[in-house]
Amino acid sequence: MADKIKFALALALIVTGLLGYYQLAEHALVLRVLSVLVGLVMGGAVAWFTVPGQDFYRFSQEAVAEARRVVWPSRKETWQTTLAVFALVVVMGIFLWLVDWGFLVAVQRLMGRTES
């Protein structure tokens, strides 16, 4: 229940920052943007102290660590894979064109029509 109240407060702070942007329409743009940023930071700070907020932070840290462990392909492997994909696309395009042409001929023969 406490987490729900904290989330509601965080949302209220963010909305207040956004409303401040529109309420300060006659002031400098820097002040208006600062209003939004303060609302976001304060809302984020309140959400940080909830259990789901802490879980999200741990998840994001684990995601960053996992992304660092990814083994990226070399330039040569990337080119080889790209060329293989393009070759497969060309081969499949030709194959599907032939199948389509074959169906066209078959349907024309079944209908008793000849190509004009």
C-alpha atoms as a PDB file:
ATOM      1  CA  MET A   1       0.000   0.000   0.000  1.00  0.00           C
ATOM      2  CA  ALA A   2       2.841   2.364   0.836  1.00  0.00           C
ATOM      3  CA  ASP A   3       4.401   1.778  -2.583  1.00  0.00           C
ATOM      4  CA  LYS A   4       1.128   2.710  -4.282  1.00  0.00           C
ATOM      5  CA  ILE A   5       0.987   5.955  -2.317  1.00  0.00           C
ATOM      6  CA  LYS A   6       4.603   6.715  -3.207  1.00  0.00           C
ATOM      7  CA  PHE A   7       3.920   6.021  -6.883  1.00  0.00           C
ATOM      8  CA  ALA A   8       0.859   8.287  -6.767  1.00  0.00           C
ATOM      9  CA  LEU A   9       2.989  11.012  -5.186  1.00  0.00           C
ATOM     10  CA  ALA A  10       5.697  10.518  -7.823  1.00  0.00           C
ATOM     11  CA  LEU A  11       3.110  10.787 -10.587  1.00  0.00           C
ATOM     12  CA  ALA A  12       1.641  13.900  -8.966  1.00  0.00           C
ATOM     13  CA  LEU A  13       5.101  15.507  -8.852  1.00  0.00           C
ATOM     14  CA  ILE A  14       5.709  14.744 -12.527  1.00  0.00           C
ATOM     15  CA  VAL A  15       2.300  16.099 -13.516  1.00  0.00           C
ATOM     16  CA  THR A  16       2.933  19.198 -11.392  1.00  0.00           C
ATOM     17  CA  GLY A  17       6.196  19.784 -13.247  1.00  0.00           C
ATOM     18  CA  LEU A  18       4.398  19.457 -16.577  1.00  0.00           C
ATOM     19  CA  LEU A  19       1.619  21.788 -15.463  1.00  0.00           C
ATOM     20  CA  GLY A  20       4.276  24.255 -14.319  1.00  0.00           C
ATOM     21  CA  TYR A  21       5.565  24.326 -17.892  1.00  0.00           C
ATOM     22  CA  TYR A  22       2.216  25.605 -19.104  1.00  0.00           C
ATOM     23  CA  GLN A  23       1.579  27.894 -16.133  1.00  0.00           C
ATOM     24  CA  LEU A  24       4.908  29.645 -16.740  1.00  0.00           C
ATOM     25  CA  ALA A  25       4.070  30.400 -20.377  1.00  0.00           C
ATOM     26  CA  GLU A  26       4.980  34.080 -20.035  1.00  0.00           C
ATOM     27  CA  HIS A  27       8.370  33.347 -18.436  1.00  0.00           C
ATOM     28  CA  ALA A  28      11.657  32.342 -20.037  1.00  0.00           C
ATOM     29  CA  LEU A  29      11.851  28.937 -21.714  1.00  0.00           C
ATOM     30  CA  VAL A  30      14.701  27.937 -19.415  1.00  0.00           C
ATOM     31  CA  LEU A  31      12.451  28.358 -16.386  1.00  0.00           C
ATOM     32  CA  ARG A  32       9.683  26.335 -18.050  1.00  0.00           C
ATOM     33  CA  VAL A  33      12.028  23.467 -18.948  1.00  0.00           C
ATOM     34  CA  LEU A  34      13.520  23.616 -15.451  1.00  0.00           C
ATOM     35  CA  SER A  35      10.005  23.141 -14.056  1.00  0.00           C
ATOM     36  CA  VAL A  36       9.585  19.931 -16.056  1.00  0.00           C
ATOM     37  CA  LEU A  37      13.045  18.646 -15.090  1.00  0.00           C
ATOM     38  CA  VAL A  38      12.474  19.354 -11.396  1.00  0.00           C
ATOM     39  CA  GLY A  39       9.143  17.500 -11.546  1.00  0.00           C
ATOM     40  CA  LEU A  40      10.776  14.517 -13.255  1.00  0.00           C
ATOM     41  CA  VAL A  41      13.706  14.394 -10.852  1.00  0.00           C
ATOM     42  CA  MET A  42      11.512  14.721  -7.767  1.00  0.00           C
ATOM     43  CA  GLY A  43       9.062  12.120  -9.062  1.00  0.00           C
ATOM     44  CA  GLY A  44      11.942   9.783  -9.894  1.00  0.00           C
ATOM     45  CA  ALA A  45      13.436  10.307  -6.440  1.00  0.00           C
ATOM     46  CA  VAL A  46      10.171   9.364  -4.756  1.00  0.00           C
ATOM     47  CA  ALA A  47       9.691   6.337  -7.045  1.00  0.00           C
ATOM     48  CA  TRP A  48      13.274   5.267  -6.288  1.00  0.00           C
ATOM     49  CA  PHE A  49      12.337   4.487  -2.669  1.00  0.00           C
ATOM     50  CA  THR A  50       9.684   1.948  -3.618  1.00  0.00           C
ATOM     51  CA  VAL A  51      10.289  -1.774  -3.958  1.00  0.00           C
ATOM     52  CA  PRO A  52       9.414  -1.785  -7.692  1.00  0.00           C
ATOM     53  CA  GLY A  53      11.733   1.207  -8.161  1.00  0.00           C
ATOM     54  CA  GLN A  54      14.619  -0.679  -6.569  1.00  0.00           C
ATOM     55  CA  ASP A  55      13.783  -3.778  -8.631  1.00  0.00           C
ATOM     56  CA  PHE A  56      13.823  -1.681 -11.804  1.00  0.00           C
ATOM     57  CA  TYR A  57      17.229  -0.247 -10.877  1.00  0.00           C
ATOM     58  CA  ARG A  58      18.652  -3.735 -10.272  1.00  0.00           C
ATOM     59  CA  PHE A  59      17.178  -4.945 -13.561  1.00  0.00           C
ATOM     60  CA  SER A  60      18.721  -2.041 -15.464  1.00  0.00           C
ATOM     61  CA  GLN A  61      22.130  -2.685 -13.875  1.00  0.00           C
ATOM     62  CA  GLU A  62      21.933  -6.364 -14.839  1.00  0.00           C
ATOM     63  CA  ALA A  63      20.887  -5.437 -18.387  1.00  0.00           C
ATOM     64  CA  VAL A  64      23.913  -3.149 -18.749  1.00  0.00           C
ATOM     65  CA  ALA A  65      26.219  -5.878 -17.410  1.00  0.00           C
ATOM     66  CA  GLU A  66      24.694  -8.391 -19.830  1.00  0.00           C
ATOM     67  CA  ALA A  67      25.137  -6.009 -22.768  1.00  0.00           C
ATOM     68  CA  ARG A  68      28.835  -5.703 -21.914  1.00  0.00           C
ATOM     69  CA  ARG A  69      29.228  -9.496 -22.111  1.00  0.00           C
ATOM     70  CA  VAL A  70      27.847  -9.664 -25.648  1.00  0.00           C
ATOM     71  CA  VAL A  71      30.412 -10.825 -28.189  1.00  0.00           C
ATOM     72  CA  TRP A  72      30.006  -8.700 -31.306  1.00  0.00           C
ATOM     73  CA  PRO A  73      30.897 -10.120 -34.717  1.00  0.00           C
ATOM     74  CA  SER A  74      33.974  -8.896 -36.527  1.00  0.00           C
ATOM     75  CA  ARG A  75      33.740  -6.697 -39.614  1.00  0.00           C
ATOM     76  CA  LYS A  76      34.460  -9.710 -41.847  1.00  0.00           C
ATOM     77  CA  GLU A  77      31.735 -11.815 -40.228  1.00  0.00           C
ATOM     78  CA  THR A  78      29.281  -8.937 -40.558  1.00  0.00           C
ATOM     79  CA  TRP A  79      29.993  -8.539 -44.284  1.00  0.00           C
ATOM     80  CA  GLN A  80      29.763 -12.278 -44.896  1.00  0.00           C
ATOM     81  CA  THR A  81      26.428 -12.506 -43.096  1.00  0.00           C
ATOM     82  CA  THR A  82      25.081  -9.450 -44.921  1.00  0.00           C
ATOM     83  CA  LEU A  83      26.079 -10.850 -48.302  1.00  0.00           C
ATOM     84  CA  ALA A  84      24.548 -14.223 -47.449  1.00  0.00           C
ATOM     85  CA  VAL A  85      21.272 -12.506 -46.533  1.00  0.00           C
ATOM     86  CA  PHE A  86      21.230 -10.521 -49.769  1.00  0.00           C
ATOM     87  CA  ALA A  87      21.988 -13.647 -51.801  1.00  0.00           C
ATOM     88  CA  LEU A  88      19.168 -15.516 -50.070  1.00  0.00           C
ATOM     89  CA  VAL A  89      16.773 -12.646 -50.766  1.00  0.00           C
ATOM     90  CA  VAL A  90      17.668 -12.708 -54.465  1.00  0.00           C
ATOM     91  CA  VAL A  91      17.315 -16.499 -54.671  1.00  0.00           C
ATOM     92  CA  MET A  92      13.968 -16.439 -52.835  1.00  0.00           C
ATOM     93  CA  GLY A  93      12.755 -13.585 -55.041  1.00  0.00           C
ATOM     94  CA  ILE A  94      13.552 -15.560 -58.176  1.00  0.00           C
ATOM     95  CA  PHE A  95      11.965 -18.692 -56.697  1.00  0.00           C
ATOM     96  CA  LEU A  96       8.757 -16.888 -55.743  1.00  0.00           C
ATOM     97  CA  TRP A  97       8.609 -15.213 -59.154  1.00  0.00           C
ATOM     98  CA  LEU A  98       8.861 -18.639 -60.802  1.00  0.00           C
ATOM     99  CA  VAL A  99       6.178 -20.084 -58.510  1.00  0.00           C
ATOM    100  CA  ASP A 100       3.911 -17.120 -59.254  1.00  0.00           C
ATOM    101  CA  TRP A 101       4.487 -17.520 -62.985  1.00  0.00           C
ATOM    102  CA  GLY A 102       3.768 -21.247 -62.695  1.00  0.00           C
ATOM    103  CA  PHE A 103       0.475 -20.578 -60.914  1.00  0.00           C
ATOM    104  CA  LEU A 104      -0.435 -18.015 -63.571  1.00  0.00           C
ATOM    105  CA  VAL A 105       0.154 -20.525 -66.358  1.00  0.00           C
ATOM    106  CA  ALA A 106      -1.719 -23.266 -64.486  1.00  0.00           C
ATOM    107  CA  VAL A 107      -4.743 -21.042 -63.820  1.00  0.00           C
ATOM    108  CA  GLN A 108      -4.779 -19.827 -67.432  1.00  0.00           C
ATOM    109  CA  ARG A 109      -4.778 -23.424 -68.696  1.00  0.00           C
ATOM    110  CA  LEU A 110      -7.500 -24.440 -66.238  1.00  0.00           C
ATOM    111  CA  MET A 111      -9.638 -21.509 -67.349  1.00  0.00           C
ATOM    112  CA  GLY A 112      -9.013 -22.349 -71.013  1.00  0.00           C
ATOM    113  CA  ARG A 113      -7.397 -18.996 -71.735  1.00  0.00           C
ATOM    114  CA  THR A 114      -4.210 -18.378 -73.553  1.00  0.00           C
ATOM    115  CA  GLU A 115      -1.876 -15.482 -73.072  1.00  0.00           C
ATOM    116  CA  SER A 116      -2.505 -12.639 -75.538  1.00  0.00           C
END
